[in-house]
């Protein structure tokens, strides 16, 4: 498979020169555009999952990759507190919901971050993203944004630390106990990435 991937990357860089030598972004394009291949055999239960341990993100789709990379999005997000004061110098992450990749920037004096153009760190592509703002509230402020291919988006966000609505699973608590003997199995408890 390695020669196929190498050839796909060469074609991608030829079609979209702004990605040349940007290895992480090129990888993201290939992952996001891959055709999902489901696998329900590897001890999976419930709906078929992608990515999975058997087929990863799926089948390489270079046409899909070039199409995705050719339709970059332009995004400007402005962040302020509840008094409308811009939040300058805070880190904003857009977290790709499909791959988990983080696109990070620091807000300027107007509380803005912008992804636009061909400069490294400014390229962004369509998809669903989580928005995380760190260093303002006790827990990171979180939100969601969906970006269509070629979209130009400008949004203002007000960060309200007191609301608590943007902290996933806030106040979650519980106790696991058994009345006799030991627990028969291993149990997993999934917590949000913001948990301590």
N, C-alpha and C. Protein backbone atom coordinates (compact mmCIF):
# COMPACT_ATOMS: atom_id res chain seq x y z
N UNK A 1 0.82 -1.21 0.00
CA UNK A 1 0.00 0.00 0.00
C UNK A 1 0.85 1.26 0.00
N UNK A 2 2.09 1.18 0.52
CA UNK A 2 2.93 2.38 0.62
C UNK A 2 3.15 3.07 -0.73
N UNK A 3 3.44 2.33 -1.83
CA UNK A 3 3.60 3.03 -3.12
C UNK A 3 2.33 3.76 -3.56
N UNK A 4 1.17 3.17 -3.25
CA UNK A 4 -0.08 3.83 -3.63
C UNK A 4 -0.25 5.14 -2.85
N UNK A 5 0.08 5.11 -1.57
CA UNK A 5 -0.05 6.32 -0.76
C UNK A 5 0.95 7.38 -1.23
N UNK A 6 2.18 6.96 -1.51
CA UNK A 6 3.20 7.90 -1.99
C UNK A 6 2.76 8.54 -3.30
N UNK A 7 2.21 7.73 -4.20
CA UNK A 7 1.72 8.26 -5.47
C UNK A 7 0.55 9.20 -5.27
N UNK A 8 -0.33 8.86 -4.32
CA UNK A 8 -1.48 9.72 -4.03
C UNK A 8 -1.03 11.07 -3.50
N UNK A 9 -0.03 11.06 -2.62
CA UNK A 9 0.48 12.32 -2.07
C UNK A 9 1.13 13.16 -3.16
N UNK A 10 1.88 12.52 -4.06
CA UNK A 10 2.50 13.26 -5.17
C UNK A 10 1.44 13.91 -6.05
N UNK A 11 0.37 13.17 -6.32
CA UNK A 11 -0.72 13.72 -7.13
C UNK A 11 -1.40 14.86 -6.39
N UNK A 12 -1.62 14.68 -5.07
CA UNK A 12 -2.27 15.70 -4.26
C UNK A 12 -1.45 16.99 -4.25
N UNK A 13 -0.14 16.86 -4.06
CA UNK A 13 0.72 18.04 -4.03
C UNK A 13 0.79 18.71 -5.39
N UNK A 14 0.70 17.93 -6.46
CA UNK A 14 0.70 18.50 -7.80
C UNK A 14 -0.58 19.28 -8.06
N UNK A 15 -1.70 18.73 -7.59
CA UNK A 15 -3.00 19.37 -7.82
C UNK A 15 -3.22 20.57 -6.90
N UNK A 16 -2.71 20.48 -5.67
CA UNK A 16 -2.90 21.56 -4.68
C UNK A 16 -1.52 21.92 -4.12
N UNK A 17 -0.76 22.76 -4.81
CA UNK A 17 0.63 23.04 -4.41
C UNK A 17 0.78 23.62 -3.01
N UNK A 18 -0.27 24.23 -2.47
CA UNK A 18 -0.17 24.80 -1.12
C UNK A 18 0.07 23.73 -0.06
N UNK A 19 -0.20 22.47 -0.40
CA UNK A 19 0.02 21.37 0.55
C UNK A 19 1.43 20.79 0.47
N UNK A 20 2.21 21.22 -0.50
CA UNK A 20 3.55 20.64 -0.69
C UNK A 20 4.37 20.74 0.59
N UNK A 21 4.91 19.60 1.01
CA UNK A 21 5.74 19.47 2.22
C UNK A 21 4.98 19.71 3.52
N UNK A 22 3.67 19.87 3.46
CA UNK A 22 2.87 19.97 4.68
C UNK A 22 2.32 18.58 4.99
N UNK A 23 3.15 17.78 5.63
CA UNK A 23 2.88 16.36 5.79
C UNK A 23 1.64 16.11 6.64
N UNK A 24 1.52 16.80 7.78
CA UNK A 24 0.37 16.56 8.66
C UNK A 24 -0.94 16.91 7.98
N UNK A 25 -0.98 18.05 7.30
CA UNK A 25 -2.22 18.45 6.62
C UNK A 25 -2.53 17.50 5.46
N UNK A 26 -1.51 17.05 4.76
CA UNK A 26 -1.74 16.09 3.67
C UNK A 26 -2.32 14.79 4.22
N UNK A 27 -1.80 14.36 5.36
CA UNK A 27 -2.35 13.15 6.00
C UNK A 27 -3.81 13.36 6.37
N UNK A 28 -4.13 14.54 6.91
CA UNK A 28 -5.51 14.82 7.29
C UNK A 28 -6.44 14.76 6.08
N UNK A 29 -5.99 15.30 4.95
CA UNK A 29 -6.80 15.27 3.74
C UNK A 29 -7.08 13.82 3.32
N UNK A 30 -6.05 12.98 3.35
CA UNK A 30 -6.23 11.58 2.96
C UNK A 30 -7.17 10.85 3.92
N UNK A 31 -7.04 11.12 5.22
CA UNK A 31 -7.92 10.47 6.20
C UNK A 31 -9.36 10.93 6.05
N UNK A 32 -9.56 12.24 5.93
CA UNK A 32 -10.91 12.79 5.88
C UNK A 32 -11.65 12.39 4.61
N UNK A 33 -10.92 12.18 3.52
CA UNK A 33 -11.56 11.87 2.24
C UNK A 33 -11.67 10.37 1.99
N UNK A 34 -11.09 9.56 2.86
CA UNK A 34 -11.13 8.11 2.66
C UNK A 34 -12.57 7.59 2.67
N UNK A 35 -12.83 6.57 1.87
CA UNK A 35 -14.15 5.94 1.83
C UNK A 35 -14.23 4.94 2.98
N UNK A 36 -15.12 5.15 3.96
CA UNK A 36 -15.16 4.25 5.12
C UNK A 36 -15.43 2.80 4.72
N UNK A 37 -14.70 1.89 5.35
CA UNK A 37 -14.93 0.46 5.18
C UNK A 37 -15.26 -0.09 6.56
N UNK A 38 -16.47 -0.57 6.73
CA UNK A 38 -16.93 -1.01 8.04
C UNK A 38 -16.39 -2.37 8.39
N UNK A 39 -16.23 -2.59 9.67
CA UNK A 39 -15.81 -3.90 10.18
C UNK A 39 -16.55 -4.16 11.47
N UNK A 40 -17.31 -5.24 11.51
CA UNK A 40 -18.06 -5.60 12.71
C UNK A 40 -17.55 -6.90 13.31
N UNK A 41 -16.40 -7.38 12.83
CA UNK A 41 -15.92 -8.68 13.29
C UNK A 41 -14.95 -8.59 14.46
N UNK A 42 -14.23 -7.48 14.59
CA UNK A 42 -13.17 -7.39 15.59
C UNK A 42 -13.73 -7.04 16.96
N UNK A 43 -14.53 -7.93 17.50
CA UNK A 43 -15.08 -7.78 18.84
C UNK A 43 -15.91 -6.51 18.98
N UNK A 44 -16.42 -6.02 17.87
CA UNK A 44 -17.25 -4.82 17.92
C UNK A 44 -18.71 -5.21 18.10
N UNK A 45 -19.43 -4.39 18.82
CA UNK A 45 -20.86 -4.59 18.96
C UNK A 45 -21.55 -3.29 18.58
N UNK A 46 -22.81 -3.40 18.23
CA UNK A 46 -23.54 -2.21 17.85
C UNK A 46 -23.24 -1.81 16.41
N UNK A 47 -23.48 -0.52 16.09
CA UNK A 47 -23.29 -0.05 14.71
C UNK A 47 -21.86 -0.21 14.24
N UNK A 48 -21.70 -0.44 12.95
CA UNK A 48 -20.36 -0.55 12.37
C UNK A 48 -19.61 0.76 12.58
N UNK A 49 -18.34 0.66 12.90
CA UNK A 49 -17.54 1.83 13.24
C UNK A 49 -16.48 2.11 12.18
N UNK A 50 -16.25 3.37 11.93
CA UNK A 50 -15.14 3.81 11.08
C UNK A 50 -14.64 5.13 11.65
N UNK A 51 -13.34 5.22 11.98
CA UNK A 51 -12.28 4.24 11.75
C UNK A 51 -12.41 3.02 12.65
N UNK A 52 -11.76 1.93 12.23
CA UNK A 52 -11.75 0.71 13.02
C UNK A 52 -10.37 0.07 12.94
N UNK A 53 -10.18 -1.00 13.74
CA UNK A 53 -8.86 -1.62 13.82
C UNK A 53 -8.50 -2.43 12.58
N UNK A 54 -9.48 -2.83 11.80
CA UNK A 54 -9.20 -3.66 10.62
C UNK A 54 -8.86 -2.82 9.39
N UNK A 55 -9.63 -1.76 9.14
CA UNK A 55 -9.48 -0.99 7.91
C UNK A 55 -9.12 0.48 8.13
N UNK A 56 -8.87 0.85 9.37
CA UNK A 56 -8.53 2.24 9.66
C UNK A 56 -9.63 3.19 9.22
N UNK A 57 -9.25 4.24 8.50
CA UNK A 57 -10.23 5.23 8.04
C UNK A 57 -10.91 4.80 6.74
N UNK A 58 -10.43 3.71 6.13
CA UNK A 58 -11.09 3.21 4.94
C UNK A 58 -10.19 3.15 3.72
N UNK A 59 -10.82 3.24 2.55
CA UNK A 59 -10.13 3.08 1.27
C UNK A 59 -9.68 4.44 0.73
N UNK A 60 -8.44 4.49 0.28
CA UNK A 60 -7.87 5.72 -0.26
C UNK A 60 -8.70 6.21 -1.45
N UNK A 61 -9.04 7.49 -1.45
CA UNK A 61 -9.84 8.09 -2.52
C UNK A 61 -9.14 9.39 -2.94
N UNK A 62 -8.25 9.30 -3.91
CA UNK A 62 -7.45 10.46 -4.28
C UNK A 62 -8.29 11.54 -4.94
N UNK A 63 -9.32 11.17 -5.70
CA UNK A 63 -10.20 12.19 -6.28
C UNK A 63 -10.90 12.96 -5.17
N UNK A 64 -11.40 12.23 -4.17
CA UNK A 64 -12.03 12.89 -3.03
C UNK A 64 -11.05 13.77 -2.28
N UNK A 65 -9.80 13.32 -2.18
CA UNK A 65 -8.78 14.10 -1.48
C UNK A 65 -8.49 15.41 -2.20
N UNK A 66 -8.32 15.34 -3.52
CA UNK A 66 -8.04 16.55 -4.30
C UNK A 66 -9.22 17.50 -4.24
N UNK A 67 -10.43 16.96 -4.33
CA UNK A 67 -11.63 17.80 -4.26
C UNK A 67 -11.71 18.50 -2.91
N UNK A 68 -11.49 17.76 -1.83
CA UNK A 68 -11.53 18.35 -0.49
C UNK A 68 -10.47 19.43 -0.32
N UNK A 69 -9.25 19.13 -0.75
CA UNK A 69 -8.14 20.07 -0.58
C UNK A 69 -8.29 21.32 -1.44
N UNK A 70 -9.02 21.19 -2.55
CA UNK A 70 -9.19 22.33 -3.46
C UNK A 70 -10.27 23.29 -2.99
N UNK A 71 -11.05 22.89 -2.01
CA UNK A 71 -12.16 23.72 -1.53
C UNK A 71 -11.91 24.14 -0.09
N UNK A 72 -10.81 24.87 0.11
CA UNK A 72 -10.46 25.31 1.46
C UNK A 72 -11.50 26.30 1.98
N UNK A 73 -11.65 26.33 3.29
CA UNK A 73 -12.63 27.22 3.91
C UNK A 73 -11.91 28.43 4.50
N UNK A 74 -12.66 29.49 4.67
CA UNK A 74 -12.17 30.72 5.30
C UNK A 74 -13.00 30.97 6.55
N UNK A 75 -12.34 31.01 7.70
CA UNK A 75 -13.05 31.10 8.97
C UNK A 75 -12.43 32.18 9.84
N UNK A 76 -13.27 33.08 10.35
CA UNK A 76 -12.86 34.05 11.36
C UNK A 76 -13.79 33.91 12.55
N UNK A 77 -13.22 33.61 13.71
CA UNK A 77 -14.00 33.48 14.94
C UNK A 77 -13.53 34.56 15.91
N UNK A 78 -14.50 35.24 16.54
CA UNK A 78 -14.18 36.28 17.51
C UNK A 78 -14.74 35.88 18.86
N UNK A 79 -13.91 35.99 19.89
CA UNK A 79 -14.31 35.55 21.23
C UNK A 79 -14.27 36.72 22.20
N UNK A 80 -15.32 36.81 23.03
CA UNK A 80 -15.39 37.85 24.06
C UNK A 80 -16.00 37.26 25.31
N UNK A 81 -15.88 37.98 26.43
CA UNK A 81 -16.52 37.52 27.66
C UNK A 81 -17.92 38.11 27.74
N UNK A 82 -18.59 37.93 28.87
CA UNK A 82 -19.99 38.37 28.99
C UNK A 82 -20.13 39.89 29.03
N UNK A 83 -19.02 40.61 29.18
CA UNK A 83 -19.07 42.08 29.15
C UNK A 83 -18.67 42.62 27.78
N UNK A 84 -18.56 41.72 26.80
CA UNK A 84 -18.17 42.07 25.42
C UNK A 84 -16.71 42.49 25.30
N UNK A 85 -15.90 42.16 26.30
CA UNK A 85 -14.46 42.44 26.23
C UNK A 85 -13.78 41.34 25.43
N UNK A 86 -13.03 41.70 24.38
CA UNK A 86 -12.36 40.66 23.58
C UNK A 86 -11.40 39.83 24.42
N UNK A 87 -11.36 38.54 24.15
CA UNK A 87 -10.45 37.63 24.84
C UNK A 87 -9.18 37.52 24.01
N UNK A 88 -8.18 38.30 24.36
CA UNK A 88 -6.92 38.33 23.62
C UNK A 88 -5.92 37.36 24.23
N UNK A 89 -5.12 36.74 23.37
CA UNK A 89 -4.03 35.89 23.84
C UNK A 89 -4.46 34.54 24.38
N UNK A 90 -5.65 34.07 24.00
CA UNK A 90 -6.08 32.74 24.45
C UNK A 90 -5.98 31.75 23.29
N UNK A 91 -5.76 30.50 23.63
CA UNK A 91 -5.60 29.46 22.61
C UNK A 91 -6.95 28.93 22.18
N UNK A 92 -7.17 28.89 20.88
CA UNK A 92 -8.40 28.34 20.30
C UNK A 92 -8.02 27.13 19.46
N UNK A 93 -8.66 26.01 19.73
CA UNK A 93 -8.44 24.78 18.96
C UNK A 93 -9.71 24.42 18.21
N UNK A 94 -9.57 24.14 16.92
CA UNK A 94 -10.64 23.47 16.17
C UNK A 94 -10.24 22.01 16.10
N UNK A 95 -11.08 21.13 16.64
CA UNK A 95 -10.76 19.71 16.73
C UNK A 95 -11.62 18.96 15.73
N UNK A 96 -10.98 18.36 14.73
CA UNK A 96 -11.70 17.62 13.69
C UNK A 96 -12.44 16.44 14.31
N UNK A 97 -13.75 16.40 14.11
CA UNK A 97 -14.57 15.34 14.72
C UNK A 97 -14.28 13.97 14.13
N UNK A 98 -13.76 13.91 12.91
CA UNK A 98 -13.49 12.61 12.29
C UNK A 98 -12.12 12.07 12.68
N UNK A 99 -11.12 12.94 12.73
CA UNK A 99 -9.75 12.46 12.94
C UNK A 99 -9.15 12.85 14.29
N UNK A 100 -9.75 13.82 14.96
CA UNK A 100 -9.20 14.29 16.23
C UNK A 100 -8.05 15.28 16.09
N UNK A 101 -7.70 15.64 14.87
CA UNK A 101 -6.59 16.56 14.63
C UNK A 101 -6.97 17.96 15.11
N UNK A 102 -5.99 18.65 15.72
CA UNK A 102 -6.22 19.99 16.27
C UNK A 102 -5.57 21.06 15.39
N UNK A 103 -6.38 22.05 15.03
CA UNK A 103 -5.90 23.24 14.34
C UNK A 103 -5.90 24.35 15.39
N UNK A 104 -4.71 24.79 15.80
CA UNK A 104 -4.59 25.72 16.93
C UNK A 104 -4.12 27.09 16.49
N UNK A 105 -4.69 28.12 17.14
CA UNK A 105 -4.24 29.49 16.97
C UNK A 105 -4.46 30.23 18.28
N UNK A 106 -3.81 31.39 18.39
CA UNK A 106 -3.97 32.26 19.56
C UNK A 106 -4.68 33.53 19.11
N UNK A 107 -5.67 33.97 19.89
CA UNK A 107 -6.45 35.15 19.51
C UNK A 107 -5.59 36.41 19.53
N UNK A 108 -5.92 37.34 18.62
CA UNK A 108 -5.23 38.62 18.58
C UNK A 108 -5.86 39.59 19.58
N UNK A 109 -5.49 40.87 19.50
CA UNK A 109 -6.00 41.84 20.47
C UNK A 109 -7.50 42.06 20.34
N UNK A 110 -8.08 41.72 19.19
CA UNK A 110 -9.52 41.84 19.00
C UNK A 110 -10.26 40.57 19.40
N UNK A 111 -9.51 39.58 19.91
CA UNK A 111 -10.13 38.31 20.29
C UNK A 111 -10.43 37.42 19.11
N UNK A 112 -9.74 37.64 17.99
CA UNK A 112 -10.05 36.90 16.76
C UNK A 112 -8.96 35.89 16.40
N UNK A 113 -9.41 34.82 15.77
CA UNK A 113 -8.52 33.86 15.11
C UNK A 113 -9.05 33.68 13.69
N UNK A 114 -8.13 33.48 12.75
CA UNK A 114 -8.52 33.36 11.35
C UNK A 114 -7.76 32.23 10.69
N UNK A 115 -8.51 31.40 9.98
CA UNK A 115 -7.91 30.39 9.11
C UNK A 115 -8.29 30.79 7.69
N UNK A 116 -7.28 31.19 6.93
CA UNK A 116 -7.52 31.64 5.55
C UNK A 116 -6.19 31.73 4.83
N UNK A 117 -6.18 31.38 3.57
CA UNK A 117 -4.99 31.58 2.77
C UNK A 117 -4.08 30.37 2.72
N UNK A 118 -2.88 30.61 2.23
CA UNK A 118 -1.98 29.52 1.91
C UNK A 118 -0.83 29.37 2.91
N UNK A 119 -0.76 30.24 3.90
CA UNK A 119 0.35 30.18 4.85
C UNK A 119 0.22 28.95 5.74
N UNK A 120 1.35 28.36 6.14
CA UNK A 120 1.29 27.22 7.07
C UNK A 120 0.55 27.61 8.34
N UNK A 121 -0.31 26.73 8.79
CA UNK A 121 -1.10 27.00 9.97
C UNK A 121 -2.39 27.74 9.70
N UNK A 122 -2.60 28.15 8.47
CA UNK A 122 -3.82 28.90 8.12
C UNK A 122 -4.77 28.10 7.24
N UNK A 123 -4.34 26.94 6.76
CA UNK A 123 -5.19 26.12 5.90
C UNK A 123 -6.22 25.37 6.74
N UNK A 124 -7.46 25.34 6.26
CA UNK A 124 -8.53 24.61 6.94
C UNK A 124 -9.47 24.07 5.88
N UNK A 125 -10.09 22.93 6.19
CA UNK A 125 -10.91 22.24 5.21
C UNK A 125 -12.29 21.93 5.79
N UNK A 126 -13.22 21.59 4.93
CA UNK A 126 -14.60 21.36 5.37
C UNK A 126 -14.68 20.19 6.33
N UNK A 127 -15.74 20.19 7.13
CA UNK A 127 -15.95 19.11 8.09
C UNK A 127 -16.63 19.63 9.35
N UNK A 128 -16.79 18.73 10.31
CA UNK A 128 -17.37 19.09 11.60
C UNK A 128 -16.24 19.20 12.62
N UNK A 129 -16.28 20.28 13.39
CA UNK A 129 -15.21 20.57 14.33
C UNK A 129 -15.78 20.90 15.71
N UNK A 130 -15.04 20.49 16.74
CA UNK A 130 -15.28 21.00 18.07
C UNK A 130 -14.45 22.26 18.24
N UNK A 131 -15.00 23.23 18.95
CA UNK A 131 -14.28 24.48 19.22
C UNK A 131 -13.92 24.48 20.70
N UNK A 132 -12.64 24.61 21.02
CA UNK A 132 -12.19 24.64 22.41
C UNK A 132 -11.39 25.92 22.66
N UNK A 133 -11.76 26.62 23.72
CA UNK A 133 -11.05 27.82 24.13
C UNK A 133 -10.48 27.57 25.52
N UNK A 134 -9.16 27.56 25.62
CA UNK A 134 -8.52 27.25 26.90
C UNK A 134 -8.04 28.49 27.62
N UNK A 135 -7.83 28.36 28.94
CA UNK A 135 -7.24 29.44 29.72
C UNK A 135 -8.18 30.55 30.10
N UNK A 136 -9.49 30.36 29.92
CA UNK A 136 -10.45 31.39 30.28
C UNK A 136 -11.28 30.93 31.47
N UNK A 137 -11.93 29.80 31.31
CA UNK A 137 -12.74 29.22 32.39
C UNK A 137 -11.92 28.13 33.09
N UNK A 138 -12.48 27.61 34.18
CA UNK A 138 -11.81 26.52 34.89
C UNK A 138 -11.64 25.32 33.98
N UNK A 139 -12.65 25.04 33.19
CA UNK A 139 -12.59 24.00 32.17
C UNK A 139 -12.64 24.67 30.81
N UNK A 140 -12.07 24.07 29.77
CA UNK A 140 -12.13 24.70 28.44
C UNK A 140 -13.56 24.94 27.98
N UNK A 141 -13.81 26.10 27.42
CA UNK A 141 -15.08 26.40 26.78
C UNK A 141 -15.16 25.58 25.51
N UNK A 142 -16.29 24.93 25.27
CA UNK A 142 -16.42 24.09 24.08
C UNK A 142 -17.66 24.45 23.28
N UNK A 143 -17.59 24.23 21.99
CA UNK A 143 -18.71 24.44 21.10
C UNK A 143 -18.54 23.59 19.86
N UNK A 144 -19.42 23.77 18.89
CA UNK A 144 -19.39 22.98 17.66
C UNK A 144 -19.52 23.91 16.47
N UNK A 145 -18.89 23.53 15.37
CA UNK A 145 -19.04 24.28 14.13
C UNK A 145 -18.94 23.32 12.95
N UNK A 146 -19.81 23.52 11.97
CA UNK A 146 -19.79 22.70 10.75
C UNK A 146 -19.43 23.61 9.58
N UNK A 147 -18.42 23.20 8.81
CA UNK A 147 -17.91 24.01 7.72
C UNK A 147 -18.14 23.30 6.39
N UNK A 148 -18.87 23.95 5.50
CA UNK A 148 -19.14 23.40 4.18
C UNK A 148 -17.94 23.66 3.27
N UNK A 149 -17.78 22.86 2.20
CA UNK A 149 -16.67 23.07 1.27
C UNK A 149 -16.67 24.49 0.71
N UNK A 150 -15.52 25.15 0.77
CA UNK A 150 -15.39 26.49 0.23
C UNK A 150 -16.09 27.58 1.01
N UNK A 151 -16.57 27.27 2.21
CA UNK A 151 -17.35 28.23 2.99
C UNK A 151 -16.50 29.41 3.45
N UNK A 152 -17.16 30.56 3.61
CA UNK A 152 -16.56 31.73 4.25
C UNK A 152 -17.41 32.04 5.47
N UNK A 153 -16.84 31.84 6.64
CA UNK A 153 -17.59 31.92 7.90
C UNK A 153 -17.00 32.99 8.80
N UNK A 154 -17.87 33.82 9.36
CA UNK A 154 -17.50 34.77 10.40
C UNK A 154 -18.49 34.61 11.54
N UNK A 155 -17.99 34.30 12.73
CA UNK A 155 -18.87 34.10 13.87
C UNK A 155 -18.28 34.76 15.10
N UNK A 156 -19.17 35.27 15.96
CA UNK A 156 -18.77 35.83 17.25
C UNK A 156 -19.26 34.88 18.34
N UNK A 157 -18.38 34.56 19.27
CA UNK A 157 -18.70 33.65 20.37
C UNK A 157 -18.52 34.40 21.69
N UNK A 158 -19.51 34.26 22.57
CA UNK A 158 -19.40 34.83 23.91
C UNK A 158 -19.14 33.71 24.90
N UNK A 159 -18.04 33.81 25.63
CA UNK A 159 -17.65 32.77 26.58
C UNK A 159 -18.21 33.12 27.95
N UNK A 160 -19.12 32.29 28.43
CA UNK A 160 -19.75 32.50 29.74
C UNK A 160 -19.35 31.36 30.66
N UNK A 161 -18.37 31.60 31.52
CA UNK A 161 -17.87 30.54 32.40
C UNK A 161 -18.92 30.12 33.42
N UNK A 162 -19.80 31.04 33.81
CA UNK A 162 -20.78 30.73 34.85
C UNK A 162 -21.88 29.81 34.34
N UNK A 163 -22.13 29.82 33.03
CA UNK A 163 -23.24 29.03 32.49
C UNK A 163 -23.01 27.54 32.67
N UNK A 164 -21.77 27.09 32.44
CA UNK A 164 -21.45 25.67 32.63
C UNK A 164 -22.05 24.75 31.60
N UNK A 165 -22.84 25.31 30.67
CA UNK A 165 -23.52 24.45 29.70
C UNK A 165 -22.56 23.84 28.71
N UNK A 166 -21.39 24.45 28.56
CA UNK A 166 -20.45 23.96 27.57
C UNK A 166 -19.41 23.01 28.14
N UNK A 167 -19.57 22.61 29.40
CA UNK A 167 -18.67 21.64 30.00
C UNK A 167 -19.33 20.27 29.91
N UNK A 168 -18.83 19.37 29.06
CA UNK A 168 -19.49 18.07 28.90
C UNK A 168 -19.46 17.26 30.18
N UNK A 169 -20.58 16.63 30.48
CA UNK A 169 -20.71 15.76 31.63
C UNK A 169 -20.45 16.49 32.95
N UNK A 170 -20.75 17.80 33.02
CA UNK A 170 -20.52 18.53 34.26
C UNK A 170 -21.32 17.91 35.39
N UNK A 171 -20.69 17.74 36.52
CA UNK A 171 -21.37 17.21 37.68
C UNK A 171 -21.54 15.71 37.68
N UNK A 172 -20.90 14.99 36.77
CA UNK A 172 -21.04 13.54 36.72
C UNK A 172 -20.33 12.91 37.90
N UNK A 173 -21.04 12.05 38.63
CA UNK A 173 -20.45 11.38 39.79
C UNK A 173 -21.12 10.03 39.96
N UNK A 174 -20.44 9.10 40.63
CA UNK A 174 -21.04 7.79 40.85
C UNK A 174 -20.10 6.88 41.60
N UNK A 175 -20.65 5.77 42.08
CA UNK A 175 -19.86 4.80 42.83
C UNK A 175 -20.15 3.42 42.29
N UNK A 176 -19.10 2.63 42.07
CA UNK A 176 -19.24 1.25 41.63
C UNK A 176 -18.90 0.36 42.81
N UNK A 177 -19.82 -0.53 43.17
CA UNK A 177 -19.57 -1.39 44.33
C UNK A 177 -20.12 -2.78 44.07
N UNK A 178 -19.67 -3.74 44.88
CA UNK A 178 -20.17 -5.11 44.82
C UNK A 178 -20.45 -5.58 46.23
N UNK A 179 -21.47 -6.41 46.38
CA UNK A 179 -21.87 -6.82 47.72
C UNK A 179 -21.07 -8.00 48.23
N UNK A 180 -20.51 -8.80 47.34
CA UNK A 180 -19.75 -9.97 47.80
C UNK A 180 -18.70 -10.34 46.76
N UNK A 181 -17.52 -10.72 47.22
CA UNK A 181 -16.48 -11.17 46.30
C UNK A 181 -15.86 -10.02 45.53
N UNK A 182 -15.31 -10.36 44.38
CA UNK A 182 -14.65 -9.36 43.53
C UNK A 182 -15.47 -9.13 42.27
N UNK A 183 -15.19 -8.05 41.63
CA UNK A 183 -15.88 -7.75 40.38
C UNK A 183 -15.45 -8.76 39.32
N UNK A 184 -16.40 -9.33 38.57
CA UNK A 184 -16.08 -10.42 37.64
C UNK A 184 -15.35 -9.99 36.38
N UNK A 185 -15.44 -8.74 36.01
CA UNK A 185 -14.86 -8.29 34.74
C UNK A 185 -14.15 -6.96 34.91
N UNK A 186 -13.49 -6.56 33.85
CA UNK A 186 -12.88 -5.23 33.80
C UNK A 186 -13.89 -4.26 33.22
N UNK A 187 -14.00 -3.10 33.83
CA UNK A 187 -14.96 -2.11 33.38
C UNK A 187 -14.23 -0.86 32.90
N UNK A 188 -14.78 -0.24 31.87
CA UNK A 188 -14.21 1.00 31.35
C UNK A 188 -15.21 2.12 31.55
N UNK A 189 -14.74 3.26 32.00
CA UNK A 189 -15.57 4.44 32.13
C UNK A 189 -14.96 5.52 31.25
N UNK A 190 -15.74 5.98 30.27
CA UNK A 190 -15.24 7.01 29.35
C UNK A 190 -15.54 8.37 29.93
N UNK A 191 -14.52 9.22 30.04
CA UNK A 191 -14.66 10.56 30.57
C UNK A 191 -14.29 11.56 29.48
N UNK A 192 -14.81 12.79 29.56
CA UNK A 192 -14.43 13.79 28.56
C UNK A 192 -12.96 14.13 28.68
N UNK A 193 -12.40 14.64 27.61
CA UNK A 193 -10.97 14.97 27.61
C UNK A 193 -10.65 16.09 28.58
N UNK A 194 -11.69 16.82 29.03
CA UNK A 194 -11.45 17.92 29.96
C UNK A 194 -11.45 17.46 31.40
N UNK A 195 -11.71 16.17 31.67
CA UNK A 195 -11.77 15.70 33.05
C UNK A 195 -10.38 15.68 33.66
N UNK A 196 -10.34 15.77 34.98
CA UNK A 196 -9.06 15.80 35.68
C UNK A 196 -8.89 14.53 36.49
